[in-house]
N, C-alpha and C. Protein backbone atom coordinates (compact mmCIF):
# COMPACT_ATOMS: atom_id res chain seq x y z
N MET A 1 9.49 -6.82 -4.80
CA MET A 1 8.48 -7.52 -3.82
C MET A 1 7.23 -7.67 -4.64
N THR A 2 6.62 -8.82 -4.57
CA THR A 2 5.28 -9.18 -5.14
C THR A 2 4.29 -9.48 -3.97
N PRO A 3 3.31 -8.57 -3.82
CA PRO A 3 2.25 -8.89 -2.82
C PRO A 3 1.44 -10.07 -3.29
N ILE A 4 1.26 -10.89 -2.26
CA ILE A 4 0.24 -12.09 -2.29
C ILE A 4 -0.92 -11.83 -1.53
N ILE A 5 -1.99 -11.49 -1.97
CA ILE A 5 -3.24 -11.20 -1.26
C ILE A 5 -3.87 -12.48 -1.07
N ILE A 6 -4.09 -12.87 0.30
CA ILE A 6 -4.74 -14.09 0.61
C ILE A 6 -6.11 -13.68 1.20
N PHE A 7 -7.11 -14.16 0.48
CA PHE A 7 -8.57 -13.92 0.95
C PHE A 7 -8.95 -14.84 2.03
N GLY A 8 -9.63 -14.12 2.97
CA GLY A 8 -9.95 -14.91 4.21
C GLY A 8 -11.17 -16.02 4.00
N ALA A 9 -11.34 -16.69 4.90
CA ALA A 9 -12.67 -17.59 4.88
C ALA A 9 -13.06 -17.67 6.24
N ALA A 10 -14.36 -18.00 6.38
CA ALA A 10 -15.07 -17.94 7.71
C ALA A 10 -14.20 -18.75 8.75
N LEU A 11 -14.03 -18.37 9.87
CA LEU A 11 -13.33 -19.15 10.94
C LEU A 11 -14.49 -20.04 11.65
N ARG A 12 -13.92 -20.99 12.36
CA ARG A 12 -14.76 -21.90 13.29
C ARG A 12 -15.39 -21.01 14.45
N PRO A 13 -16.42 -21.39 15.06
CA PRO A 13 -16.80 -20.55 16.12
C PRO A 13 -15.80 -20.38 17.24
N ASP A 14 -14.88 -21.18 17.32
CA ASP A 14 -13.88 -21.16 18.50
C ASP A 14 -12.72 -20.09 17.99
N GLY A 15 -12.77 -19.63 16.69
CA GLY A 15 -11.73 -18.72 16.22
C GLY A 15 -10.59 -19.44 15.52
N SER A 16 -10.69 -20.68 15.31
CA SER A 16 -9.70 -21.54 14.63
C SER A 16 -9.94 -21.54 13.14
N ALA A 17 -8.86 -21.98 12.34
CA ALA A 17 -8.89 -21.92 10.92
C ALA A 17 -9.66 -23.13 10.46
N THR A 18 -10.48 -23.00 9.46
CA THR A 18 -11.05 -24.15 8.69
C THR A 18 -10.08 -24.79 7.72
N GLU A 19 -10.36 -25.91 7.16
CA GLU A 19 -9.43 -26.56 6.22
C GLU A 19 -9.39 -25.64 4.96
N THR A 20 -10.61 -24.88 4.62
CA THR A 20 -10.46 -24.00 3.50
C THR A 20 -9.43 -22.97 3.67
N LEU A 21 -9.41 -22.39 4.95
CA LEU A 21 -8.45 -21.33 5.17
C LEU A 21 -6.98 -21.88 5.24
N ARG A 22 -6.85 -23.01 5.75
CA ARG A 22 -5.58 -23.74 5.75
C ARG A 22 -5.01 -24.00 4.36
N ARG A 23 -5.97 -24.30 3.43
CA ARG A 23 -5.46 -24.64 2.05
C ARG A 23 -5.10 -23.32 1.31
N ARG A 24 -5.80 -22.27 1.70
CA ARG A 24 -5.44 -20.96 1.00
C ARG A 24 -4.02 -20.62 1.50
N ILE A 25 -3.72 -20.80 2.83
CA ILE A 25 -2.34 -20.37 3.33
C ILE A 25 -1.37 -21.36 2.67
N ALA A 26 -1.54 -22.55 2.53
CA ALA A 26 -0.64 -23.58 1.96
C ALA A 26 -0.29 -23.15 0.52
N ALA A 27 -1.27 -22.75 -0.13
CA ALA A 27 -1.21 -22.36 -1.57
C ALA A 27 -0.36 -20.98 -1.68
N ALA A 28 -0.59 -20.08 -0.67
CA ALA A 28 0.14 -18.83 -0.75
C ALA A 28 1.59 -19.13 -0.32
N VAL A 29 1.78 -19.99 0.60
CA VAL A 29 3.31 -20.22 1.02
C VAL A 29 4.03 -20.88 -0.11
N ALA A 30 3.40 -21.93 -0.68
CA ALA A 30 4.12 -22.44 -1.82
C ALA A 30 4.33 -21.53 -3.04
N HIS A 31 3.44 -20.62 -3.29
CA HIS A 31 3.51 -19.68 -4.40
C HIS A 31 4.73 -18.76 -3.94
N GLY A 32 4.77 -18.32 -2.74
CA GLY A 32 5.68 -17.38 -2.20
C GLY A 32 7.19 -17.87 -2.29
N TRP A 33 7.27 -19.18 -2.02
CA TRP A 33 8.59 -19.81 -2.11
C TRP A 33 9.08 -19.78 -3.61
N ARG A 34 8.00 -20.13 -4.50
CA ARG A 34 8.43 -20.04 -5.94
C ARG A 34 8.84 -18.73 -6.50
N ILE A 35 8.17 -17.75 -6.11
CA ILE A 35 8.51 -16.42 -6.60
C ILE A 35 9.64 -15.62 -5.90
N GLY A 36 9.82 -15.99 -4.57
CA GLY A 36 10.99 -15.46 -3.95
C GLY A 36 10.52 -14.25 -3.08
N ASP A 37 10.75 -13.07 -3.48
CA ASP A 37 10.59 -11.81 -2.63
C ASP A 37 9.12 -11.60 -2.60
N ALA A 38 8.33 -12.18 -1.59
CA ALA A 38 7.01 -12.00 -1.51
C ALA A 38 6.51 -11.16 -0.30
N LEU A 39 5.35 -10.41 -0.44
CA LEU A 39 4.98 -9.80 0.71
C LEU A 39 3.44 -10.37 0.87
N TYR A 40 3.23 -11.15 2.00
CA TYR A 40 2.00 -11.83 2.28
C TYR A 40 1.00 -10.71 2.87
N VAL A 41 -0.21 -10.73 2.08
CA VAL A 41 -1.33 -9.83 2.76
C VAL A 41 -2.44 -10.69 3.05
N PRO A 42 -2.61 -11.15 4.24
CA PRO A 42 -3.75 -11.94 4.56
C PRO A 42 -4.92 -10.91 4.89
N THR A 43 -6.11 -11.07 4.41
CA THR A 43 -7.12 -10.19 4.44
C THR A 43 -8.42 -10.79 4.99
N GLY A 44 -8.95 -10.23 5.91
CA GLY A 44 -10.25 -10.71 6.49
C GLY A 44 -10.39 -10.14 7.84
N GLY A 45 -11.53 -9.41 8.00
CA GLY A 45 -11.81 -8.82 9.53
C GLY A 45 -12.87 -9.39 10.16
N VAL A 46 -13.53 -10.45 9.60
CA VAL A 46 -14.70 -10.90 10.40
C VAL A 46 -14.25 -11.78 11.61
N PRO A 47 -14.53 -11.32 12.82
CA PRO A 47 -14.02 -12.04 13.99
C PRO A 47 -14.88 -13.17 14.40
N GLN A 48 -14.25 -14.09 15.05
CA GLN A 48 -14.87 -15.20 15.70
C GLN A 48 -14.08 -15.40 17.04
N SER A 49 -14.77 -15.44 18.12
CA SER A 49 -14.10 -15.60 19.42
C SER A 49 -13.05 -14.62 19.66
N GLY A 50 -13.20 -13.44 19.19
CA GLY A 50 -12.23 -12.34 19.41
C GLY A 50 -11.03 -12.29 18.50
N VAL A 51 -10.92 -13.05 17.43
CA VAL A 51 -9.80 -13.04 16.44
C VAL A 51 -10.45 -12.94 15.13
N THR A 52 -9.65 -12.23 14.14
CA THR A 52 -10.01 -12.02 12.75
C THR A 52 -9.41 -13.03 11.97
N GLU A 53 -9.94 -13.17 10.76
CA GLU A 53 -9.27 -14.11 9.74
C GLU A 53 -7.85 -13.76 9.47
N ALA A 54 -7.62 -12.46 9.43
CA ALA A 54 -6.22 -11.99 9.11
C ALA A 54 -5.24 -12.38 10.24
N GLN A 55 -5.83 -12.30 11.53
CA GLN A 55 -4.89 -12.72 12.62
C GLN A 55 -4.68 -14.21 12.58
N VAL A 56 -5.64 -15.04 12.31
CA VAL A 56 -5.42 -16.40 12.25
C VAL A 56 -4.52 -16.78 11.10
N MET A 57 -4.67 -16.07 9.92
CA MET A 57 -3.87 -16.37 8.72
C MET A 57 -2.34 -15.98 9.01
N THR A 58 -2.19 -14.83 9.75
CA THR A 58 -0.81 -14.37 10.12
C THR A 58 -0.14 -15.35 11.04
N ALA A 59 -0.92 -15.95 11.93
CA ALA A 59 -0.25 -17.01 12.93
C ALA A 59 0.14 -18.20 11.95
N LEU A 60 -0.70 -18.60 11.10
CA LEU A 60 -0.48 -19.73 10.18
C LEU A 60 0.75 -19.50 9.36
N LEU A 61 0.95 -18.34 8.73
CA LEU A 61 2.05 -17.89 8.00
C LEU A 61 3.34 -18.03 8.76
N LEU A 62 3.26 -17.38 9.99
CA LEU A 62 4.43 -17.56 10.90
C LEU A 62 4.78 -18.92 11.27
N ASP A 63 3.74 -19.82 11.48
CA ASP A 63 3.94 -21.24 11.79
C ASP A 63 4.62 -21.89 10.47
N ALA A 64 4.39 -21.38 9.34
CA ALA A 64 4.96 -22.00 8.13
C ALA A 64 6.48 -21.44 7.91
N GLY A 65 6.95 -20.60 8.73
CA GLY A 65 8.23 -20.11 8.52
C GLY A 65 8.37 -18.69 7.87
N ILE A 66 7.35 -18.06 7.66
CA ILE A 66 7.40 -16.80 6.99
C ILE A 66 7.66 -15.72 7.99
N ALA A 67 8.63 -14.82 7.62
CA ALA A 67 9.21 -13.85 8.55
C ALA A 67 8.04 -12.67 8.83
N ARG A 68 7.85 -12.32 10.00
CA ARG A 68 6.94 -11.28 10.26
C ARG A 68 7.11 -10.03 9.41
N ASP A 69 8.24 -9.63 9.01
CA ASP A 69 8.26 -8.48 8.24
C ASP A 69 7.85 -8.62 6.84
N ALA A 70 7.46 -9.90 6.42
CA ALA A 70 7.03 -10.29 5.10
C ALA A 70 5.53 -10.47 5.10
N ILE A 71 4.88 -10.01 6.18
CA ILE A 71 3.50 -10.21 6.37
C ILE A 71 2.82 -8.75 6.64
N LEU A 72 1.82 -8.39 5.91
CA LEU A 72 1.14 -7.28 6.02
C LEU A 72 -0.34 -7.45 6.16
N PRO A 73 -0.85 -7.77 7.54
CA PRO A 73 -2.23 -8.19 7.60
C PRO A 73 -3.22 -6.98 7.36
N GLU A 74 -4.37 -7.39 6.92
CA GLU A 74 -5.44 -6.53 6.67
C GLU A 74 -6.63 -6.94 7.49
N ASP A 75 -6.90 -6.36 8.52
CA ASP A 75 -8.03 -6.97 9.47
C ASP A 75 -9.19 -6.22 9.59
N ARG A 76 -9.62 -5.39 8.63
CA ARG A 76 -10.78 -4.49 8.69
C ARG A 76 -11.92 -4.99 7.71
N ALA A 77 -11.49 -5.68 6.64
CA ALA A 77 -12.53 -6.03 5.70
C ALA A 77 -13.59 -6.96 6.15
N GLY A 78 -14.82 -6.57 5.84
CA GLY A 78 -16.04 -7.36 6.28
C GLY A 78 -16.46 -8.35 5.21
N ASP A 79 -16.01 -8.29 3.94
CA ASP A 79 -16.31 -9.12 2.99
C ASP A 79 -15.25 -9.08 1.83
N THR A 80 -15.62 -9.73 0.80
CA THR A 80 -14.42 -10.00 -0.29
C THR A 80 -14.29 -8.55 -1.02
N CYS A 81 -15.35 -7.85 -1.36
CA CYS A 81 -15.04 -6.65 -1.89
C CYS A 81 -14.37 -5.65 -1.10
N ASP A 82 -14.61 -5.58 0.27
CA ASP A 82 -13.84 -4.81 1.15
C ASP A 82 -12.37 -5.11 1.00
N SER A 83 -12.10 -6.47 1.03
CA SER A 83 -10.64 -6.90 0.94
C SER A 83 -9.97 -6.31 -0.15
N VAL A 84 -10.60 -6.35 -1.29
CA VAL A 84 -9.99 -5.84 -2.67
C VAL A 84 -9.72 -4.43 -2.43
N LEU A 85 -10.78 -3.58 -2.06
CA LEU A 85 -10.55 -2.09 -1.98
C LEU A 85 -9.43 -1.83 -0.96
N ILE A 86 -9.58 -2.30 0.26
CA ILE A 86 -8.64 -2.01 1.38
C ILE A 86 -7.27 -2.40 0.99
N CYS A 87 -7.08 -3.57 0.51
CA CYS A 87 -5.75 -4.04 0.16
C CYS A 87 -5.18 -3.15 -1.06
N SER A 88 -6.02 -2.73 -1.86
CA SER A 88 -5.55 -1.83 -3.00
C SER A 88 -5.02 -0.68 -2.42
N ASP A 89 -5.75 0.07 -1.47
CA ASP A 89 -5.28 1.26 -0.98
C ASP A 89 -4.05 1.04 -0.17
N MET A 90 -3.93 0.00 0.58
CA MET A 90 -2.74 -0.37 1.45
C MET A 90 -1.55 -0.47 0.59
N LEU A 91 -1.67 -1.25 -0.52
CA LEU A 91 -0.49 -1.49 -1.45
C LEU A 91 -0.02 -0.17 -2.16
N ARG A 92 -1.06 0.56 -2.55
CA ARG A 92 -0.69 1.76 -3.17
C ARG A 92 -0.03 2.86 -2.28
N GLU A 93 -0.51 2.79 -1.08
CA GLU A 93 0.09 3.65 -0.03
C GLU A 93 1.60 3.35 0.16
N LEU A 94 1.92 2.06 -0.04
CA LEU A 94 3.23 1.60 0.09
C LEU A 94 4.07 1.91 -1.17
N GLY A 95 3.39 2.41 -2.31
CA GLY A 95 4.12 2.78 -3.59
C GLY A 95 4.03 1.54 -4.43
N HIS A 96 3.40 0.53 -4.26
CA HIS A 96 3.30 -0.64 -5.13
C HIS A 96 2.42 -0.36 -6.31
N ARG A 97 2.87 -0.54 -7.56
CA ARG A 97 2.10 -0.37 -8.66
C ARG A 97 2.15 -1.66 -9.58
N GLY A 98 3.02 -2.59 -9.22
CA GLY A 98 3.17 -3.74 -10.15
C GLY A 98 2.05 -4.81 -9.91
N PRO A 99 2.37 -5.91 -10.39
CA PRO A 99 1.30 -7.04 -10.25
C PRO A 99 1.18 -7.51 -8.85
N VAL A 100 0.07 -8.27 -8.64
CA VAL A 100 -0.18 -8.77 -7.36
C VAL A 100 -0.63 -10.20 -7.70
N SER A 101 -0.25 -11.17 -6.68
CA SER A 101 -0.88 -12.45 -6.79
C SER A 101 -1.95 -12.56 -5.90
N ILE A 102 -3.12 -13.38 -6.25
CA ILE A 102 -4.21 -13.40 -5.48
C ILE A 102 -4.45 -14.94 -5.17
N VAL A 103 -4.71 -15.20 -3.88
CA VAL A 103 -4.85 -16.49 -3.44
C VAL A 103 -6.33 -16.72 -2.90
N THR A 104 -7.01 -17.65 -3.37
CA THR A 104 -8.47 -17.95 -2.88
C THR A 104 -8.79 -19.34 -3.24
N SER A 105 -9.90 -19.86 -2.81
CA SER A 105 -10.31 -21.13 -3.27
C SER A 105 -10.67 -21.11 -4.75
N ASP A 106 -10.62 -22.23 -5.55
CA ASP A 106 -10.85 -22.33 -6.92
C ASP A 106 -12.26 -21.68 -7.20
N PHE A 107 -13.28 -22.06 -6.43
CA PHE A 107 -14.62 -21.60 -6.74
C PHE A 107 -14.82 -20.17 -6.63
N HIS A 108 -13.90 -19.51 -5.89
CA HIS A 108 -14.07 -18.07 -5.49
C HIS A 108 -13.12 -17.22 -6.38
N MET A 109 -12.35 -17.87 -7.23
CA MET A 109 -11.28 -17.19 -7.90
C MET A 109 -11.91 -16.24 -9.00
N MET A 110 -12.96 -16.52 -9.63
CA MET A 110 -13.46 -15.73 -10.69
C MET A 110 -13.88 -14.29 -10.00
N ARG A 111 -14.51 -14.29 -8.91
CA ARG A 111 -15.00 -13.05 -8.38
C ARG A 111 -13.76 -12.35 -7.92
N CYS A 112 -12.83 -12.87 -7.15
CA CYS A 112 -11.63 -12.19 -6.71
C CYS A 112 -10.86 -11.63 -7.78
N ALA A 113 -10.54 -12.39 -8.94
CA ALA A 113 -9.87 -11.94 -9.96
C ALA A 113 -10.50 -10.85 -10.84
N ALA A 114 -11.78 -10.90 -10.85
CA ALA A 114 -12.51 -9.86 -11.66
C ALA A 114 -12.41 -8.55 -10.89
N MET A 115 -12.62 -8.67 -9.57
CA MET A 115 -12.47 -7.43 -8.76
C MET A 115 -11.18 -6.75 -8.86
N ALA A 116 -10.10 -7.70 -8.73
CA ALA A 116 -8.72 -7.16 -8.56
C ALA A 116 -8.39 -6.49 -10.06
N LEU A 117 -8.86 -7.20 -11.13
CA LEU A 117 -8.62 -6.49 -12.44
C LEU A 117 -9.30 -5.24 -12.57
N PHE A 118 -10.60 -5.01 -12.21
CA PHE A 118 -11.20 -3.77 -12.19
C PHE A 118 -10.63 -2.82 -11.33
N ALA A 119 -9.98 -3.22 -10.22
CA ALA A 119 -9.30 -2.28 -9.28
C ALA A 119 -7.99 -1.80 -10.00
N GLY A 120 -7.61 -2.33 -11.04
CA GLY A 120 -6.38 -1.74 -11.74
C GLY A 120 -5.22 -2.74 -11.53
N TRP A 121 -5.29 -3.93 -11.12
CA TRP A 121 -4.12 -4.74 -10.93
C TRP A 121 -3.93 -5.57 -12.07
N ARG A 122 -2.64 -5.85 -12.24
CA ARG A 122 -2.22 -6.99 -13.17
C ARG A 122 -1.95 -8.13 -12.08
N ILE A 123 -2.73 -9.32 -12.40
CA ILE A 123 -2.71 -10.42 -11.45
C ILE A 123 -2.21 -11.73 -11.91
N THR A 124 -1.66 -12.42 -10.85
CA THR A 124 -1.44 -13.91 -11.07
C THR A 124 -2.46 -14.58 -10.17
N ARG A 125 -3.13 -15.49 -10.77
CA ARG A 125 -4.17 -16.36 -9.93
C ARG A 125 -3.49 -17.58 -9.34
N VAL A 126 -3.69 -17.82 -8.02
CA VAL A 126 -3.18 -18.92 -7.32
C VAL A 126 -4.24 -19.51 -6.54
N PRO A 127 -5.01 -20.46 -7.36
CA PRO A 127 -6.09 -21.16 -6.63
C PRO A 127 -5.70 -22.18 -5.60
N ALA A 128 -6.46 -22.19 -4.67
CA ALA A 128 -6.37 -23.33 -3.54
C ALA A 128 -7.45 -24.24 -3.81
N THR A 129 -7.25 -25.62 -3.83
CA THR A 129 -8.30 -26.52 -4.14
C THR A 129 -9.40 -26.59 -3.06
N ALA A 130 -10.61 -26.35 -3.45
CA ALA A 130 -11.66 -26.38 -2.40
C ALA A 130 -12.02 -27.80 -2.09
N LEU A 131 -12.82 -27.91 -1.07
CA LEU A 131 -13.20 -29.31 -0.41
C LEU A 131 -14.44 -29.70 -1.13
N HIS A 132 -15.25 -28.95 -1.83
CA HIS A 132 -16.51 -29.22 -2.33
C HIS A 132 -16.41 -30.16 -3.46
N PRO A 133 -17.37 -31.23 -3.56
CA PRO A 133 -17.57 -32.00 -4.71
C PRO A 133 -17.72 -31.35 -5.92
N ARG A 134 -17.33 -31.95 -7.08
CA ARG A 134 -17.37 -31.13 -8.22
C ARG A 134 -18.69 -31.68 -9.11
N GLY A 135 -19.68 -32.10 -8.52
CA GLY A 135 -20.91 -32.62 -9.24
C GLY A 135 -21.68 -31.48 -9.62
N ARG A 136 -22.91 -31.84 -10.13
CA ARG A 136 -23.87 -30.93 -10.57
C ARG A 136 -24.29 -29.92 -9.58
N ALA A 137 -24.49 -30.47 -8.30
CA ALA A 137 -24.97 -29.54 -7.24
C ALA A 137 -23.95 -28.49 -6.93
N TRP A 138 -22.85 -28.75 -7.01
CA TRP A 138 -21.66 -27.83 -6.72
C TRP A 138 -21.79 -26.69 -7.89
N ARG A 139 -21.86 -27.14 -9.17
CA ARG A 139 -21.87 -26.23 -10.15
C ARG A 139 -23.02 -25.25 -10.02
N MET A 140 -24.29 -25.82 -9.69
CA MET A 140 -25.48 -25.01 -9.46
C MET A 140 -25.15 -24.01 -8.35
N TRP A 141 -24.51 -24.48 -7.29
CA TRP A 141 -24.20 -23.49 -6.19
C TRP A 141 -23.30 -22.33 -6.64
N VAL A 142 -22.24 -22.67 -7.47
CA VAL A 142 -21.35 -21.67 -8.00
C VAL A 142 -22.25 -20.63 -8.84
N TRP A 143 -23.04 -21.11 -9.68
CA TRP A 143 -23.89 -20.29 -10.50
C TRP A 143 -24.78 -19.45 -9.66
N ALA A 144 -25.32 -20.04 -8.62
CA ALA A 144 -26.38 -19.32 -7.72
C ALA A 144 -25.76 -18.36 -6.89
N ARG A 145 -24.59 -18.57 -6.44
CA ARG A 145 -23.86 -17.54 -5.58
C ARG A 145 -22.82 -16.73 -6.24
N GLU A 146 -21.94 -17.28 -6.83
CA GLU A 146 -20.63 -16.57 -7.32
C GLU A 146 -20.92 -15.62 -8.56
N PHE A 147 -21.78 -16.09 -9.49
CA PHE A 147 -21.97 -15.27 -10.63
C PHE A 147 -22.64 -13.92 -10.31
N PRO A 148 -23.82 -13.99 -9.59
CA PRO A 148 -24.41 -12.70 -9.13
C PRO A 148 -23.45 -11.81 -8.30
N ALA A 149 -22.79 -12.49 -7.39
CA ALA A 149 -21.92 -11.79 -6.40
C ALA A 149 -20.68 -11.11 -7.24
N THR A 150 -20.35 -11.74 -8.23
CA THR A 150 -19.18 -11.27 -9.02
C THR A 150 -19.76 -9.86 -9.85
N ALA A 151 -20.92 -10.08 -10.30
CA ALA A 151 -21.47 -8.89 -10.96
C ALA A 151 -21.58 -7.67 -10.05
N TRP A 152 -22.24 -7.93 -8.88
CA TRP A 152 -22.46 -6.95 -7.97
C TRP A 152 -21.03 -6.36 -7.30
N ASP A 153 -20.17 -7.23 -7.02
CA ASP A 153 -18.99 -6.75 -6.49
C ASP A 153 -18.09 -5.98 -7.55
N VAL A 154 -18.06 -6.35 -8.76
CA VAL A 154 -17.39 -5.71 -9.82
C VAL A 154 -17.96 -4.19 -10.00
N ALA A 155 -19.33 -4.22 -9.93
CA ALA A 155 -20.01 -2.88 -10.01
C ALA A 155 -19.56 -1.95 -8.81
N LEU A 156 -19.39 -2.54 -7.72
CA LEU A 156 -18.84 -1.72 -6.57
C LEU A 156 -17.51 -1.22 -6.81
N VAL A 157 -16.58 -2.06 -7.26
CA VAL A 157 -15.26 -1.76 -7.51
C VAL A 157 -15.22 -0.61 -8.58
N VAL A 158 -16.01 -0.66 -9.62
CA VAL A 158 -16.13 0.32 -10.70
C VAL A 158 -16.60 1.69 -10.05
N LEU A 159 -17.54 1.71 -9.17
CA LEU A 159 -17.89 2.88 -8.44
C LEU A 159 -16.79 3.49 -7.60
N TRP A 160 -16.01 2.53 -6.90
CA TRP A 160 -14.90 2.94 -6.14
C TRP A 160 -13.78 3.63 -6.85
N ARG A 161 -13.46 3.04 -8.13
CA ARG A 161 -12.50 3.51 -8.94
C ARG A 161 -12.93 4.91 -9.56
N ALA A 162 -14.26 5.08 -9.79
CA ALA A 162 -14.88 6.41 -10.23
C ALA A 162 -14.93 7.33 -9.14
N GLY A 163 -14.60 7.05 -8.00
CA GLY A 163 -14.53 8.05 -6.87
C GLY A 163 -16.04 8.22 -6.29
N VAL A 164 -16.83 7.43 -6.70
CA VAL A 164 -18.26 7.51 -6.22
C VAL A 164 -18.36 6.97 -4.85
N MET A 165 -17.56 5.85 -4.55
CA MET A 165 -17.71 5.09 -3.36
C MET A 165 -16.40 5.14 -2.64
N LYS A 166 -16.39 5.43 -1.31
CA LYS A 166 -15.05 5.43 -0.61
C LYS A 166 -14.65 4.00 -0.11
N THR A 167 -13.41 3.84 0.17
CA THR A 167 -12.82 2.62 0.71
C THR A 167 -13.57 2.33 2.21
N PRO A 168 -13.99 1.25 2.48
CA PRO A 168 -14.62 0.99 3.76
C PRO A 168 -13.65 1.18 4.85
């Protein structure tokens, strides 16, 4: 079994999935069909209208024909770093030591991949195409947000691995 960690994205105020989240689910389902024996791990605990990202993603996976016993939702994480740490603990508690696939938007992949690697996983990257234009403004946004966030989140993962920080 290969776990496919699907990183959440903010829900609409009514608790429904955004196009970004739908694209991540579509990428995960396509990847799961390619690899065969997949365990889908939708992660995200930030609620909107009483539902979490993980709950919405679970419903989308079920709608896509994924069996309920092939889905292991994680609905406590408040941010991307929490998702990596909590999913790592969950998978290790199940005895999983092998590689994991990670699914997120292409602009978010660098941060998720770096954290997963520092958490000790061998990974397969499965990027979902983002909706953002690829012009100069978009690249500036990535630099302004993702690079500092990556450095910060990787530092937190290193502290977690060293036992200095506990899983949220």
